[in-house]
PDB file of all heavy atoms in Angstrom:
ATOM      1  N   LEU A   1     -81.706  -4.705  18.024  1.00  0.00           N
ATOM      2  CA  LEU A   1     -81.243  -3.429  17.483  1.00  0.00           C
ATOM      3  C   LEU A   1     -80.969  -2.417  18.592  1.00  0.00           C
ATOM      4  O   LEU A   1     -80.014  -1.641  18.514  1.00  0.00           O
ATOM      5  CB  LEU A   1     -82.270  -2.871  16.491  1.00  0.00           C
ATOM      6  CG  LEU A   1     -82.360  -3.627  15.158  1.00  0.00           C
ATOM      7  CD1 LEU A   1     -83.536  -3.107  14.341  1.00  0.00           C
ATOM      8  CD2 LEU A   1     -81.076  -3.522  14.375  1.00  0.00           C
ATOM      9  N   GLU A   2     -81.805  -2.438  19.609  1.00  0.00           N
ATOM     10  CA  GLU A   2     -81.574  -1.518  20.725  1.00  0.00           C
ATOM     11  C   GLU A   2     -80.296  -1.870  21.486  1.00  0.00           C
ATOM     12  O   GLU A   2     -79.684  -1.020  22.116  1.00  0.00           O
ATOM     13  CB  GLU A   2     -82.766  -1.540  21.682  1.00  0.00           C
ATOM     14  CG  GLU A   2     -83.986  -0.847  21.111  1.00  0.00           C
ATOM     15  CD  GLU A   2     -85.249  -1.105  21.918  1.00  0.00           C
ATOM     16  OE1 GLU A   2     -85.212  -1.917  22.868  1.00  0.00           O
ATOM     17  OE2 GLU A   2     -86.276  -0.498  21.585  1.00  0.00           O
ATOM     18  N   GLY A   3     -79.884  -3.122  21.413  1.00  0.00           N
ATOM     19  CA  GLY A   3     -78.680  -3.560  22.109  1.00  0.00           C
ATOM     20  C   GLY A   3     -77.401  -3.374  21.314  1.00  0.00           C
ATOM     21  O   GLY A   3     -76.318  -3.724  21.788  1.00  0.00           O
ATOM     22  N   LEU A   4     -77.510  -2.817  20.096  1.00  0.00           N
ATOM     23  CA  LEU A   4     -76.313  -2.597  19.292  1.00  0.00           C
ATOM     24  C   LEU A   4     -75.374  -1.647  20.014  1.00  0.00           C
ATOM     25  O   LEU A   4     -75.792  -0.618  20.536  1.00  0.00           O
ATOM     26  CB  LEU A   4     -76.665  -2.001  17.930  1.00  0.00           C
ATOM     27  CG  LEU A   4     -77.258  -2.945  16.897  1.00  0.00           C
ATOM     28  CD1 LEU A   4     -77.559  -2.177  15.614  1.00  0.00           C
ATOM     29  CD2 LEU A   4     -76.350  -4.111  16.613  1.00  0.00           C
ATOM     30  N   ASP A   5     -74.119  -2.004  20.048  1.00  0.00           N
ATOM     31  CA  ASP A   5     -73.144  -1.160  20.711  1.00  0.00           C
ATOM     32  C   ASP A   5     -71.786  -1.478  20.103  1.00  0.00           C
ATOM     33  O   ASP A   5     -71.612  -2.448  19.386  1.00  0.00           O
ATOM     34  CB  ASP A   5     -73.137  -1.427  22.218  1.00  0.00           C
ATOM     35  CG  ASP A   5     -72.498  -0.281  23.001  1.00  0.00           C
ATOM     36  OD1 ASP A   5     -72.028   0.674  22.368  1.00  0.00           O
ATOM     37  OD2 ASP A   5     -72.494  -0.358  24.234  1.00  0.00           O
ATOM     38  N   TYR A   6     -70.842  -0.664  20.435  1.00  0.00           N
ATOM     39  CA  TYR A   6     -69.477  -0.874  19.977  1.00  0.00           C
ATOM     40  C   TYR A   6     -68.903  -2.052  20.755  1.00  0.00           C
ATOM     41  O   TYR A   6     -68.955  -2.090  21.972  1.00  0.00           O
ATOM     42  CB  TYR A   6     -68.647   0.390  20.237  1.00  0.00           C
ATOM     43  CG  TYR A   6     -67.382   0.436  19.429  1.00  0.00           C
ATOM     44  CD1 TYR A   6     -67.393   0.876  18.120  1.00  0.00           C
ATOM     45  CD2 TYR A   6     -66.191   0.032  19.988  1.00  0.00           C
ATOM     46  CE1 TYR A   6     -66.229   0.921  17.389  1.00  0.00           C
ATOM     47  CE2 TYR A   6     -65.022   0.065  19.265  1.00  0.00           C
ATOM     48  CZ  TYR A   6     -65.041   0.507  17.966  1.00  0.00           C
ATOM     49  OH  TYR A   6     -63.892   0.536  17.243  1.00  0.00           O
ATOM     50  N   LEU A   7     -68.402  -3.047  20.030  1.00  0.00           N
ATOM     51  CA  LEU A   7     -67.859  -4.229  20.688  1.00  0.00           C
ATOM     52  C   LEU A   7     -66.512  -3.929  21.326  1.00  0.00           C
ATOM     53  O   LEU A   7     -65.696  -3.201  20.772  1.00  0.00           O
ATOM     54  CB  LEU A   7     -67.681  -5.372  19.680  1.00  0.00           C
ATOM     55  CG  LEU A   7     -68.963  -5.971  19.127  1.00  0.00           C
ATOM     56  CD1 LEU A   7     -68.626  -7.059  18.122  1.00  0.00           C
ATOM     57  CD2 LEU A   7     -69.813  -6.532  20.238  1.00  0.00           C
ATOM     58  N   THR A   8     -66.306  -4.505  22.463  1.00  0.00           N
ATOM     59  CA  THR A   8     -65.008  -4.399  23.124  1.00  0.00           C
ATOM     60  C   THR A   8     -64.368  -5.775  23.118  1.00  0.00           C
ATOM     61  O   THR A   8     -65.047  -6.789  22.978  1.00  0.00           O
ATOM     62  CB  THR A   8     -65.169  -3.901  24.568  1.00  0.00           C
ATOM     63  OG1 THR A   8     -66.043  -4.790  25.260  1.00  0.00           O
ATOM     64  CG2 THR A   8     -65.734  -2.498  24.616  1.00  0.00           C
ATOM     65  N   ALA A   9     -63.083  -5.784  23.270  1.00  0.00           N
ATOM     66  CA  ALA A   9     -62.363  -7.056  23.273  1.00  0.00           C
ATOM     67  C   ALA A   9     -62.792  -7.875  24.486  1.00  0.00           C
ATOM     68  O   ALA A   9     -63.072  -7.328  25.543  1.00  0.00           O
ATOM     69  CB  ALA A   9     -60.860  -6.806  23.316  1.00  0.00           C
ATOM     70  N   PRO A  10     -62.841  -9.184  24.335  1.00  0.00           N
ATOM     71  CA  PRO A  10     -63.227 -10.010  25.477  1.00  0.00           C
ATOM     72  C   PRO A  10     -62.150  -9.979  26.558  1.00  0.00           C
ATOM     73  O   PRO A  10     -60.993  -9.634  26.302  1.00  0.00           O
ATOM     74  CB  PRO A  10     -63.355 -11.409  24.870  1.00  0.00           C
ATOM     75  CG  PRO A  10     -62.570 -11.372  23.621  1.00  0.00           C
ATOM     76  CD  PRO A  10     -62.584  -9.958  23.135  1.00  0.00           C
ATOM     77  N   ASN A  11     -62.536 -10.331  27.749  1.00  0.00           N
ATOM     78  CA  ASN A  11     -61.581 -10.407  28.852  1.00  0.00           C
ATOM     79  C   ASN A  11     -60.521 -11.467  28.536  1.00  0.00           C
ATOM     80  O   ASN A  11     -60.819 -12.468  27.884  1.00  0.00           O
ATOM     81  CB  ASN A  11     -62.289 -10.766  30.157  1.00  0.00           C
ATOM     82  CG  ASN A  11     -63.225  -9.674  30.605  1.00  0.00           C
ATOM     83  OD1 ASN A  11     -62.988  -8.500  30.345  1.00  0.00           O
ATOM     84  ND2 ASN A  11     -64.302 -10.048  31.274  1.00  0.00           N
ATOM     85  N   PRO A  12     -59.310 -11.265  29.003  1.00  0.00           N
ATOM     86  CA  PRO A  12     -58.277 -12.263  28.725  1.00  0.00           C
ATOM     87  C   PRO A  12     -58.595 -13.577  29.450  1.00  0.00           C
ATOM     88  O   PRO A  12     -59.262 -13.572  30.487  1.00  0.00           O
ATOM     89  CB  PRO A  12     -57.003 -11.621  29.273  1.00  0.00           C
ATOM     90  CG  PRO A  12     -57.469 -10.635  30.269  1.00  0.00           C
ATOM     91  CD  PRO A  12     -58.808 -10.154  29.804  1.00  0.00           C
ATOM     92  N   PRO A  13     -58.130 -14.672  28.903  1.00  0.00           N
ATOM     93  CA  PRO A  13     -58.408 -15.965  29.530  1.00  0.00           C
ATOM     94  C   PRO A  13     -57.574 -16.151  30.799  1.00  0.00           C
ATOM     95  O   PRO A  13     -56.561 -15.491  30.996  1.00  0.00           O
ATOM     96  CB  PRO A  13     -57.989 -16.964  28.458  1.00  0.00           C
ATOM     97  CG  PRO A  13     -56.912 -16.263  27.713  1.00  0.00           C
ATOM     98  CD  PRO A  13     -57.327 -14.812  27.693  1.00  0.00           C
ATOM     99  N   LEU A  14     -58.025 -17.065  31.634  1.00  0.00           N
ATOM    100  CA  LEU A  14     -57.270 -17.434  32.819  1.00  0.00           C
ATOM    101  C   LEU A  14     -56.453 -18.684  32.485  1.00  0.00           C
ATOM    102  O   LEU A  14     -57.025 -19.732  32.175  1.00  0.00           O
ATOM    103  CB  LEU A  14     -58.211 -17.715  33.991  1.00  0.00           C
ATOM    104  CG  LEU A  14     -59.089 -16.549  34.425  1.00  0.00           C
ATOM    105  CD1 LEU A  14     -60.096 -17.002  35.471  1.00  0.00           C
ATOM    106  CD2 LEU A  14     -58.228 -15.421  34.962  1.00  0.00           C
ATOM    107  N   VAL A  15     -55.137 -18.538  32.503  1.00  0.00           N
ATOM    108  CA  VAL A  15     -54.264 -19.660  32.153  1.00  0.00           C
ATOM    109  C   VAL A  15     -54.241 -20.635  33.322  1.00  0.00           C
ATOM    110  O   VAL A  15     -54.051 -20.259  34.478  1.00  0.00           O
ATOM    111  CB  VAL A  15     -52.843 -19.163  31.818  1.00  0.00           C
ATOM    112  CG1 VAL A  15     -51.924 -20.331  31.545  1.00  0.00           C
ATOM    113  CG2 VAL A  15     -52.893 -18.214  30.625  1.00  0.00           C
ATOM    114  N   ARG A  16     -54.448 -21.918  32.998  1.00  0.00           N
ATOM    115  CA  ARG A  16     -54.389 -22.960  34.024  1.00  0.00           C
ATOM    116  C   ARG A  16     -52.989 -23.566  33.989  1.00  0.00           C
ATOM    117  O   ARG A  16     -52.722 -24.512  33.258  1.00  0.00           O
ATOM    118  CB  ARG A  16     -55.461 -24.007  33.748  1.00  0.00           C
ATOM    119  CG  ARG A  16     -56.854 -23.379  33.809  1.00  0.00           C
ATOM    120  CD  ARG A  16     -57.967 -24.361  33.823  1.00  0.00           C
ATOM    121  NE  ARG A  16     -57.822 -25.299  34.924  1.00  0.00           N
ATOM    122  CZ  ARG A  16     -58.475 -26.460  34.977  1.00  0.00           C
ATOM    123  NH1 ARG A  16     -59.299 -26.794  34.016  1.00  0.00           N
ATOM    124  NH2 ARG A  16     -58.292 -27.268  35.994  1.00  0.00           N
ATOM    125  N   GLU A  17     -52.117 -22.983  34.770  1.00  0.00           N
ATOM    126  CA  GLU A  17     -50.702 -23.345  34.740  1.00  0.00           C
ATOM    127  C   GLU A  17     -50.474 -24.819  35.055  1.00  0.00           C
ATOM    128  O   GLU A  17     -49.554 -25.436  34.507  1.00  0.00           O
ATOM    129  CB  GLU A  17     -49.911 -22.474  35.718  1.00  0.00           C
ATOM    130  CG  GLU A  17     -49.874 -21.023  35.290  1.00  0.00           C
ATOM    131  CD  GLU A  17     -49.090 -20.156  36.264  1.00  0.00           C
ATOM    132  OE1 GLU A  17     -48.290 -20.700  37.048  1.00  0.00           O
ATOM    133  OE2 GLU A  17     -49.281 -18.939  36.208  1.00  0.00           O
ATOM    134  N   GLU A  18     -51.302 -25.401  35.908  1.00  0.00           N
ATOM    135  CA  GLU A  18     -51.099 -26.810  36.266  1.00  0.00           C
ATOM    136  C   GLU A  18     -51.299 -27.756  35.086  1.00  0.00           C
ATOM    137  O   GLU A  18     -50.806 -28.881  35.080  1.00  0.00           O
ATOM    138  CB  GLU A  18     -52.024 -27.198  37.437  1.00  0.00           C
ATOM    139  CG  GLU A  18     -53.509 -27.292  37.092  1.00  0.00           C
ATOM    140  CD  GLU A  18     -54.268 -25.970  37.132  1.00  0.00           C
ATOM    141  OE1 GLU A  18     -53.642 -24.903  37.278  1.00  0.00           O
ATOM    142  OE2 GLU A  18     -55.503 -26.012  36.996  1.00  0.00           O
ATOM    143  N   LEU A  19     -51.979 -27.287  34.035  1.00  0.00           N
ATOM    144  CA  LEU A  19     -52.204 -28.122  32.850  1.00  0.00           C
ATOM    145  C   LEU A  19     -51.261 -27.778  31.697  1.00  0.00           C
ATOM    146  O   LEU A  19     -51.268 -28.456  30.673  1.00  0.00           O
ATOM    147  CB  LEU A  19     -53.660 -27.984  32.378  1.00  0.00           C
ATOM    148  CG  LEU A  19     -54.736 -28.436  33.368  1.00  0.00           C
ATOM    149  CD1 LEU A  19     -56.115 -28.121  32.814  1.00  0.00           C
ATOM    150  CD2 LEU A  19     -54.602 -29.918  33.683  1.00  0.00           C
ATOM    151  N   CYS A  20     -50.477 -26.728  31.833  1.00  0.00           N
ATOM    152  CA  CYS A  20     -49.576 -26.303  30.759  1.00  0.00           C
ATOM    153  C   CYS A  20     -48.325 -27.179  30.754  1.00  0.00           C
ATOM    154  O   CYS A  20     -47.828 -27.593  31.797  1.00  0.00           O
ATOM    155  CB  CYS A  20     -49.171 -24.843  30.934  1.00  0.00           C
ATOM    156  SG  CYS A  20     -50.586 -23.707  30.854  1.00  0.00           S
ATOM    157  N   THR A  21     -47.831 -27.434  29.527  1.00  0.00           N
ATOM    158  CA  THR A  21     -46.614 -28.235  29.379  1.00  0.00           C
ATOM    159  C   THR A  21     -45.693 -27.587  28.371  1.00  0.00           C
ATOM    160  O   THR A  21     -46.128 -26.811  27.521  1.00  0.00           O
ATOM    161  CB  THR A  21     -46.941 -29.677  28.908  1.00  0.00           C
ATOM    162  OG1 THR A  21     -47.609 -29.596  27.646  1.00  0.00           O
ATOM    163  CG2 THR A  21     -47.806 -30.406  29.912  1.00  0.00           C
ATOM    164  N   ALA A  22     -44.406 -27.942  28.476  1.00  0.00           N
ATOM    165  CA  ALA A  22     -43.419 -27.442  27.524  1.00  0.00           C
ATOM    166  C   ALA A  22     -42.407 -28.547  27.281  1.00  0.00           C
ATOM    167  O   ALA A  22     -42.007 -29.268  28.192  1.00  0.00           O
ATOM    168  CB  ALA A  22     -42.738 -26.196  28.054  1.00  0.00           C
ATOM    169  N   SER A  23     -42.020 -28.678  26.016  1.00  0.00           N
ATOM    170  CA  SER A  23     -40.968 -29.627  25.668  1.00  0.00           C
ATOM    171  C   SER A  23     -40.001 -28.921  24.741  1.00  0.00           C
ATOM    172  O   SER A  23     -40.077 -27.704  24.567  1.00  0.00           O
ATOM    173  CB  SER A  23     -41.565 -30.877  25.022  1.00  0.00           C
ATOM    174  OG  SER A  23     -42.160 -30.541  23.785  1.00  0.00           O
ATOM    175  N   HIS A  24     -39.122 -29.684  24.091  1.00  0.00           N
ATOM    176  CA  HIS A  24     -38.096 -29.094  23.239  1.00  0.00           C
ATOM    177  C   HIS A  24     -38.692 -28.182  22.162  1.00  0.00           C
ATOM    178  O   HIS A  24     -38.220 -27.069  21.952  1.00  0.00           O
ATOM    179  CB  HIS A  24     -37.255 -30.213  22.606  1.00  0.00           C
ATOM    180  CG  HIS A  24     -36.267 -29.708  21.616  1.00  0.00           C
ATOM    181  ND1 HIS A  24     -35.199 -28.894  21.983  1.00  0.00           N
ATOM    182  CD2 HIS A  24     -36.183 -29.865  20.278  1.00  0.00           C
ATOM    183  CE1 HIS A  24     -34.505 -28.594  20.908  1.00  0.00           C
ATOM    184  NE2 HIS A  24     -35.082 -29.184  19.853  1.00  0.00           N
ATOM    185  N   ASP A  25     -39.747 -28.660  21.462  1.00  0.00           N
ATOM    186  CA  ASP A  25     -40.294 -27.855  20.362  1.00  0.00           C
ATOM    187  C   ASP A  25     -41.806 -27.625  20.470  1.00  0.00           C
ATOM    188  O   ASP A  25     -42.427 -27.166  19.529  1.00  0.00           O
ATOM    189  CB  ASP A  25     -39.974 -28.522  19.024  1.00  0.00           C
ATOM    190  CG  ASP A  25     -40.563 -29.917  18.913  1.00  0.00           C
ATOM    191  OD1 ASP A  25     -41.085 -30.437  19.923  1.00  0.00           O
ATOM    192  OD2 ASP A  25     -40.524 -30.475  17.818  1.00  0.00           O
TER     193      ASP A  25
END
């Protein structure tokens, strides 16, 4: 209860570009 606080959005993720893929769809 003492730790209750207004939540903030989490930090954005780190995109691992070497694992990302793209194809036609």
